[in-house]
Amino acid sequence: MQEYLIVTGIVIKSQPVGESDRRITLLTNSRGKIGVFARGARKPTSRFSGTTGSFCFGTFKLYEGRDSYTLAEADISNYFEDLMTDVEGASYAAYFAEVADYYCRENNDERDMMKLFYQSLRALINENIPNRLIKSVYEIKALVVNGEYPGVPENANVSDGVRMAMEHIAMSRIEKLYTFVLSDESMDELAKIADKYREKYMDTHFKSLEILEML
């Protein structure tokens, strides 16, 4: 009898393979980042055609092969449809996915990164939270989760509001992360710090960041 693995996860990458298949990268609660093949998912009649797109979040039933996982069933609880009609929001989401892909590994405990990515997508569809604030918060919290956050910059003139914001980002539970707003001036200040930290600690080039910078 075929044994299955059931995981909660979110699609951070979705790529076409061959004539009709799709390969997705899942960020999961129990196996970290894993690659999964969805046979025939690009066929319009496939039961996987709507469940293997980027940012789909839910429960995935997989069976494990010699070299990879294959999708057997998917129960999606959040498709993040609003992002599909929002060019700016989708661009931020793609960048967040690229950061998650950079940090996460297979068979690591990546639950916090999965929660951070999920909550950040929820924040992107909240009209009351500026996207550029979400970006800075996400970048700083990703450093915190992965043990690379250096704290508030020393020997720098950091305003009290930004200092408090950074302390909140570092210390708060992920579910409570996006519960504050800043003035435009403070958001600019926080973004400069987040940019410097990203450039120093995330040693890679993010293609999706180029698109964001053109928006």
C-alpha atoms as a PDB file:
ATOM      1  CA  MET A   1       0.000   0.000   0.000  1.00  0.00           C
ATOM      2  CA  GLN A   2       1.265   3.456  -0.933  1.00  0.00           C
ATOM      3  CA  GLU A   3       2.233   5.535   2.122  1.00  0.00           C
ATOM      4  CA  TYR A   4       1.438   9.223   1.984  1.00  0.00           C
ATOM      5  CA  LEU A   5       2.879  12.295   3.630  1.00  0.00           C
ATOM      6  CA  ILE A   6       0.431  15.041   4.602  1.00  0.00           C
ATOM      7  CA  VAL A   7       1.838  18.537   5.121  1.00  0.00           C
ATOM      8  CA  THR A   8       0.542  22.039   5.625  1.00  0.00           C
ATOM      9  CA  GLY A   9       2.317  24.318   3.225  1.00  0.00           C
ATOM     10  CA  ILE A  10       2.372  27.249   0.855  1.00  0.00           C
ATOM     11  CA  VAL A  11       3.588  27.358  -2.750  1.00  0.00           C
ATOM     12  CA  ILE A  12       6.580  29.682  -3.053  1.00  0.00           C
ATOM     13  CA  LYS A  13       7.475  28.704  -6.625  1.00  0.00           C
ATOM     14  CA  SER A  14       5.541  27.134  -9.509  1.00  0.00           C
ATOM     15  CA  GLN A  15       7.222  26.129 -12.769  1.00  0.00           C
ATOM     16  CA  PRO A  16       6.082  24.315 -15.926  1.00  0.00           C
ATOM     17  CA  VAL A  17       7.734  20.972 -16.664  1.00  0.00           C
ATOM     18  CA  GLY A  18       7.418  19.100 -19.942  1.00  0.00           C
ATOM     19  CA  GLU A  19       4.183  19.389 -21.898  1.00  0.00           C
ATOM     20  CA  SER A  20       1.633  19.279 -19.097  1.00  0.00           C
ATOM     21  CA  ASP A  21       3.274  18.861 -15.691  1.00  0.00           C
ATOM     22  CA  ARG A  22       4.202  21.398 -13.074  1.00  0.00           C
ATOM     23  CA  ARG A  23       6.897  21.452 -10.409  1.00  0.00           C
ATOM     24  CA  ILE A  24       6.114  23.415  -7.280  1.00  0.00           C
ATOM     25  CA  THR A  25       8.287  24.372  -4.334  1.00  0.00           C
ATOM     26  CA  LEU A  26       6.393  24.012  -1.075  1.00  0.00           C
ATOM     27  CA  LEU A  27       7.354  25.669   2.179  1.00  0.00           C
ATOM     28  CA  THR A  28       5.929  23.259   4.740  1.00  0.00           C
ATOM     29  CA  ASN A  29       5.332  22.982   8.472  1.00  0.00           C
ATOM     30  CA  SER A  30       7.166  19.679   8.910  1.00  0.00           C
ATOM     31  CA  ARG A  31       9.611  19.097   6.026  1.00  0.00           C
ATOM     32  CA  GLY A  32      10.917  22.573   5.344  1.00  0.00           C
ATOM     33  CA  LYS A  33      11.257  23.485   1.668  1.00  0.00           C
ATOM     34  CA  ILE A  34      10.496  20.609  -0.693  1.00  0.00           C
ATOM     35  CA  GLY A  35      10.064  20.142  -4.433  1.00  0.00           C
ATOM     36  CA  VAL A  36       6.858  18.460  -5.604  1.00  0.00           C
ATOM     37  CA  PHE A  37       5.776  17.280  -9.062  1.00  0.00           C
ATOM     38  CA  ALA A  38       2.137  17.709 -10.030  1.00  0.00           C
ATOM     39  CA  ARG A  39       1.427  15.409 -12.947  1.00  0.00           C
ATOM     40  CA  GLY A  40      -0.780  16.931 -15.627  1.00  0.00           C
ATOM     41  CA  ALA A  41      -1.366  20.085 -13.561  1.00  0.00           C
ATOM     42  CA  ARG A  42      -1.219  22.346 -16.623  1.00  0.00           C
ATOM     43  CA  LYS A  43      -4.100  20.590 -18.313  1.00  0.00           C
ATOM     44  CA  PRO A  44      -7.328  22.625 -18.008  1.00  0.00           C
ATOM     45  CA  THR A  45      -9.198  19.548 -16.821  1.00  0.00           C
ATOM     46  CA  SER A  46      -6.645  18.599 -14.162  1.00  0.00           C
ATOM     47  CA  ARG A  47      -7.778  18.642 -10.540  1.00  0.00           C
ATOM     48  CA  PHE A  48      -4.414  20.246  -9.773  1.00  0.00           C
ATOM     49  CA  SER A  49      -4.736  23.117 -12.256  1.00  0.00           C
ATOM     50  CA  GLY A  50      -6.040  25.525  -9.608  1.00  0.00           C
ATOM     51  CA  THR A  51      -4.136  24.210  -6.611  1.00  0.00           C
ATOM     52  CA  THR A  52      -0.517  24.489  -7.722  1.00  0.00           C
ATOM     53  CA  GLY A  53      -0.230  28.191  -8.442  1.00  0.00           C
ATOM     54  CA  SER A  54       2.022  30.541  -6.546  1.00  0.00           C
ATOM     55  CA  PHE A  55       0.913  31.426  -3.004  1.00  0.00           C
ATOM     56  CA  CYS A  56      -1.679  28.631  -2.674  1.00  0.00           C
ATOM     57  CA  PHE A  57      -1.856  27.704   1.016  1.00  0.00           C
ATOM     58  CA  GLY A  58      -3.405  24.545   2.414  1.00  0.00           C
ATOM     59  CA  THR A  59      -2.924  20.845   3.043  1.00  0.00           C
ATOM     60  CA  PHE A  60      -1.010  18.750   0.532  1.00  0.00           C
ATOM     61  CA  LYS A  61      -1.035  14.963   0.349  1.00  0.00           C
ATOM     62  CA  LEU A  62       2.174  13.655  -1.189  1.00  0.00           C
ATOM     63  CA  TYR A  63       3.877  10.391  -1.909  1.00  0.00           C
ATOM     64  CA  GLU A  64       7.618  10.165  -1.790  1.00  0.00           C
ATOM     65  CA  GLY A  65       9.624   8.766  -4.670  1.00  0.00           C
ATOM     66  CA  ARG A  66      13.293   7.980  -4.888  1.00  0.00           C
ATOM     67  CA  ASP A  67      14.322  11.524  -5.767  1.00  0.00           C
ATOM     68  CA  SER A  68      11.261  13.719  -5.256  1.00  0.00           C
ATOM     69  CA  TYR A  69       7.711  14.080  -3.995  1.00  0.00           C
ATOM     70  CA  THR A  70       4.615  13.765  -6.162  1.00  0.00           C
ATOM     71  CA  LEU A  71       1.307  15.473  -5.435  1.00  0.00           C
ATOM     72  CA  ALA A  72      -1.640  13.169  -4.745  1.00  0.00           C
ATOM     73  CA  GLU A  73      -4.215  15.608  -3.352  1.00  0.00           C
ATOM     74  CA  ALA A  74      -4.444  19.267  -2.358  1.00  0.00           C
ATOM     75  CA  ASP A  75      -6.953  21.041  -0.139  1.00  0.00           C
ATOM     76  CA  ILE A  76      -6.405  24.795  -0.525  1.00  0.00           C
ATOM     77  CA  SER A  77      -7.710  27.098   2.192  1.00  0.00           C
ATOM     78  CA  ASN A  78      -6.343  30.378   0.802  1.00  0.00           C
ATOM     79  CA  TYR A  79      -5.570  31.113  -2.841  1.00  0.00           C
ATOM     80  CA  PHE A  80      -4.722  34.807  -2.274  1.00  0.00           C
ATOM     81  CA  GLU A  81      -6.771  35.681  -5.347  1.00  0.00           C
ATOM     82  CA  ASP A  82      -6.577  39.403  -4.580  1.00  0.00           C
ATOM     83  CA  LEU A  83      -2.836  39.350  -5.249  1.00  0.00           C
ATOM     84  CA  MET A  84      -3.436  37.990  -8.747  1.00  0.00           C
ATOM     85  CA  THR A  85      -5.182  41.218  -9.759  1.00  0.00           C
ATOM     86  CA  ASP A  86      -2.753  43.545  -7.971  1.00  0.00           C
ATOM     87  CA  VAL A  87       0.497  43.978  -9.907  1.00  0.00           C
ATOM     88  CA  GLU A  88       2.281  45.752  -7.081  1.00  0.00           C
ATOM     89  CA  GLY A  89       1.078  43.347  -4.403  1.00  0.00           C
ATOM     90  CA  ALA A  90       2.006  40.333  -6.527  1.00  0.00           C
ATOM     91  CA  SER A  91       5.479  41.796  -7.091  1.00  0.00           C
ATOM     92  CA  TYR A  92       6.038  42.172  -3.359  1.00  0.00           C
ATOM     93  CA  ALA A  93       4.741  38.629  -2.811  1.00  0.00           C
ATOM     94  CA  ALA A  94       7.153  37.292  -5.434  1.00  0.00           C
ATOM     95  CA  TYR A  95      10.025  39.018  -3.654  1.00  0.00           C
ATOM     96  CA  PHE A  96       8.973  37.581  -0.291  1.00  0.00           C
ATOM     97  CA  ALA A  97       8.834  34.125  -1.892  1.00  0.00           C
ATOM     98  CA  GLU A  98      12.352  34.585  -3.244  1.00  0.00           C
ATOM     99  CA  VAL A  99      13.648  35.492   0.221  1.00  0.00           C
ATOM    100  CA  ALA A 100      11.927  32.418   1.682  1.00  0.00           C
ATOM    101  CA  ASP A 101      13.450  30.263  -1.052  1.00  0.00           C
ATOM    102  CA  TYR A 102      16.888  31.714  -0.254  1.00  0.00           C
ATOM    103  CA  TYR A 103      16.719  30.935   3.447  1.00  0.00           C
ATOM    104  CA  CYS A 104      14.804  27.676   3.692  1.00  0.00           C
ATOM    105  CA  ARG A 105      16.148  24.131   3.359  1.00  0.00           C
ATOM    106  CA  GLU A 106      14.638  20.666   3.104  1.00  0.00           C
ATOM    107  CA  ASN A 107      14.035  18.828   6.394  1.00  0.00           C
ATOM    108  CA  ASN A 108      14.743  21.978   8.426  1.00  0.00           C
ATOM    109  CA  ASP A 109      12.251  23.392  10.901  1.00  0.00           C
ATOM    110  CA  GLU A 110      10.958  26.247   8.754  1.00  0.00           C
ATOM    111  CA  ARG A 111       7.622  26.809  10.509  1.00  0.00           C
ATOM    112  CA  ASP A 112       8.470  30.374  11.455  1.00  0.00           C
ATOM    113  CA  MET A 113       9.458  31.284   7.896  1.00  0.00           C
ATOM    114  CA  MET A 114       6.272  29.671   6.602  1.00  0.00           C
ATOM    115  CA  LYS A 115       4.199  31.684   9.093  1.00  0.00           C
ATOM    116  CA  LEU A 116       6.117  34.855   8.274  1.00  0.00           C
ATOM    117  CA  PHE A 117       5.541  34.420   4.555  1.00  0.00           C
ATOM    118  CA  TYR A 118       1.846  33.611   5.055  1.00  0.00           C
ATOM    119  CA  GLN A 119       1.182  36.525   7.417  1.00  0.00           C
ATOM    120  CA  SER A 120       3.052  38.883   5.100  1.00  0.00           C
ATOM    121  CA  LEU A 121       0.820  37.873   2.181  1.00  0.00           C
ATOM    122  CA  ARG A 122      -2.207  38.558   4.383  1.00  0.00           C
ATOM    123  CA  ALA A 123      -0.752  41.973   5.182  1.00  0.00           C
ATOM    124  CA  LEU A 124      -0.331  42.722   1.457  1.00  0.00           C
ATOM    125  CA  ILE A 125      -4.074  42.400   0.888  1.00  0.00           C
ATOM    126  CA  ASN A 126      -4.812  44.695   3.832  1.00  0.00           C
ATOM    127  CA  GLU A 127      -5.294  48.166   2.392  1.00  0.00           C
ATOM    128  CA  ASN A 128      -4.487  49.771   5.744  1.00  0.00           C
ATOM    129  CA  ILE A 129      -0.855  48.603   5.764  1.00  0.00           C
ATOM    130  CA  PRO A 130       1.562  50.220   3.268  1.00  0.00           C
ATOM    131  CA  ASN A 131       3.414  47.696   1.125  1.00  0.00           C
ATOM    132  CA  ARG A 132       6.768  49.361   1.667  1.00  0.00           C
ATOM    133  CA  LEU A 133       6.322  48.985   5.426  1.00  0.00           C
ATOM    134  CA  ILE A 134       5.476  45.300   4.983  1.00  0.00           C
ATOM    135  CA  LYS A 135       8.669  44.849   2.950  1.00  0.00           C
ATOM    136  CA  SER A 136      10.884  46.335   5.663  1.00  0.00           C
ATOM    137  CA  VAL A 137       9.166  44.335   8.398  1.00  0.00           C
ATOM    138  CA  TYR A 138       9.471  41.115   6.389  1.00  0.00           C
ATOM    139  CA  GLU A 139      13.174  41.639   5.680  1.00  0.00           C
ATOM    140  CA  ILE A 140      14.033  42.392   9.307  1.00  0.00           C
ATOM    141  CA  LYS A 141      11.909  39.561  10.721  1.00  0.00           C
ATOM    142  CA  ALA A 142      13.447  37.107   8.237  1.00  0.00           C
ATOM    143  CA  LEU A 143      16.843  38.028   9.676  1.00  0.00           C
ATOM    144  CA  VAL A 144      15.493  37.505  13.195  1.00  0.00           C
ATOM    145  CA  VAL A 145      14.010  34.093  12.350  1.00  0.00           C
ATOM    146  CA  ASN A 146      17.270  32.950  10.776  1.00  0.00           C
ATOM    147  CA  GLY A 147      19.519  34.180  13.574  1.00  0.00           C
ATOM    148  CA  GLU A 148      21.197  36.976  11.617  1.00  0.00           C
ATOM    149  CA  TYR A 149      19.524  40.067  13.037  1.00  0.00           C
ATOM    150  CA  PRO A 150      22.172  42.443  14.481  1.00  0.00           C
ATOM    151  CA  GLY A 151      19.728  44.616  16.410  1.00  0.00           C
ATOM    152  CA  VAL A 152      19.164  48.352  16.182  1.00  0.00           C
ATOM    153  CA  PRO A 153      22.162  50.000  14.482  1.00  0.00           C
ATOM    154  CA  GLU A 154      24.767  51.235  16.915  1.00  0.00           C
ATOM    155  CA  ASN A 155      26.367  54.645  16.524  1.00  0.00           C
ATOM    156  CA  ALA A 156      23.449  55.753  14.361  1.00  0.00           C
ATOM    157  CA  ASN A 157      20.874  58.457  14.867  1.00  0.00           C
ATOM    158  CA  VAL A 158      17.793  56.219  14.954  1.00  0.00           C
ATOM    159  CA  SER A 159      14.548  57.954  15.839  1.00  0.00           C
ATOM    160  CA  ASP A 160      12.555  56.747  18.829  1.00  0.00           C
ATOM    161  CA  GLY A 161       9.646  55.637  16.646  1.00  0.00           C
ATOM    162  CA  VAL A 162      11.840  53.497  14.401  1.00  0.00           C
ATOM    163  CA  ARG A 163      13.717  52.106  17.386  1.00  0.00           C
ATOM    164  CA  MET A 164      10.412  51.029  18.946  1.00  0.00           C
ATOM    165  CA  ALA A 165       9.273  49.559  15.620  1.00  0.00           C
ATOM    166  CA  MET A 166      12.443  47.490  15.312  1.00  0.00           C
ATOM    167  CA  GLU A 167      12.061  46.231  18.868  1.00  0.00           C
ATOM    168  CA  HIS A 168       8.483  45.231  18.074  1.00  0.00           C
ATOM    169  CA  ILE A 169       9.566  43.414  14.903  1.00  0.00           C
ATOM    170  CA  ALA A 170      12.301  41.543  16.744  1.00  0.00           C
ATOM    171  CA  MET A 171      10.283  40.544  19.800  1.00  0.00           C
ATOM    172  CA  SER A 172       6.681  40.093  18.686  1.00  0.00           C
ATOM    173  CA  ARG A 173       5.008  36.857  17.661  1.00  0.00           C
ATOM    174  CA  ILE A 174       4.626  36.582  13.908  1.00  0.00           C
ATOM    175  CA  GLU A 175       0.833  36.623  14.212  1.00  0.00           C
ATOM    176  CA  LYS A 176       1.110  40.063  15.885  1.00  0.00           C
ATOM    177  CA  LEU A 177       3.791  41.440  13.602  1.00  0.00           C
ATOM    178  CA  TYR A 178       1.738  43.758  11.395  1.00  0.00           C
ATOM    179  CA  THR A 179      -0.066  45.710  14.085  1.00  0.00           C
ATOM    180  CA  PHE A 180       1.563  49.129  13.771  1.00  0.00           C
ATOM    181  CA  VAL A 181       1.998  51.924  11.262  1.00  0.00           C
ATOM    182  CA  LEU A 182       4.623  54.625  10.865  1.00  0.00           C
ATOM    183  CA  SER A 183       4.796  58.078   9.369  1.00  0.00           C
ATOM    184  CA  ASP A 184       6.189  58.380   5.854  1.00  0.00           C
ATOM    185  CA  GLU A 185       9.425  59.779   7.258  1.00  0.00           C
ATOM    186  CA  SER A 186       9.804  56.879   9.695  1.00  0.00           C
ATOM    187  CA  MET A 187       8.988  54.334   6.982  1.00  0.00           C
ATOM    188  CA  ASP A 188      11.776  55.810   4.853  1.00  0.00           C
ATOM    189  CA  GLU A 189      14.169  55.561   7.788  1.00  0.00           C
ATOM    190  CA  LEU A 190      13.206  51.945   8.514  1.00  0.00           C
ATOM    191  CA  ALA A 191      13.509  51.034   4.826  1.00  0.00           C
ATOM    192  CA  LYS A 192      17.070  52.376   4.660  1.00  0.00           C
ATOM    193  CA  ILE A 193      18.058  50.234   7.646  1.00  0.00           C
ATOM    194  CA  ALA A 194      16.328  47.157   6.227  1.00  0.00           C
ATOM    195  CA  ASP A 195      18.023  47.679   2.857  1.00  0.00           C
ATOM    196  CA  LYS A 196      21.466  47.893   4.468  1.00  0.00           C
ATOM    197  CA  TYR A 197      20.819  44.750   6.500  1.00  0.00           C
ATOM    198  CA  ARG A 198      19.572  42.858   3.454  1.00  0.00           C
ATOM    199  CA  GLU A 199      22.616  43.815   1.416  1.00  0.00           C
ATOM    200  CA  LYS A 200      24.959  42.798   4.229  1.00  0.00           C
ATOM    201  CA  TYR A 201      23.362  39.566   5.426  1.00  0.00           C
ATOM    202  CA  MET A 202      21.459  38.165   2.416  1.00  0.00           C
ATOM    203  CA  ASP A 203      24.312  37.313   0.109  1.00  0.00           C
ATOM    204  CA  THR A 204      22.404  36.934  -3.144  1.00  0.00           C
ATOM    205  CA  HIS A 205      20.766  38.886  -5.947  1.00  0.00           C
ATOM    206  CA  PHE A 206      16.969  38.894  -5.869  1.00  0.00           C
ATOM    207  CA  LYS A 207      15.572  39.207  -9.389  1.00  0.00           C
ATOM    208  CA  SER A 208      12.111  40.194  -8.152  1.00  0.00           C
ATOM    209  CA  LEU A 209      13.632  43.144  -6.295  1.00  0.00           C
ATOM    210  CA  GLU A 210      14.543  44.717  -9.634  1.00  0.00           C
ATOM    211  CA  ILE A 211      10.872  44.691 -10.618  1.00  0.00           C
ATOM    212  CA  LEU A 212       9.858  46.256  -7.314  1.00  0.00           C
ATOM    213  CA  GLU A 213      12.380  49.049  -7.743  1.00  0.00           C
ATOM    214  CA  MET A 214      10.819  49.935 -11.119  1.00  0.00           C
ATOM    215  CA  LEU A 215       7.283  50.222  -9.722  1.00  0.00           C
END
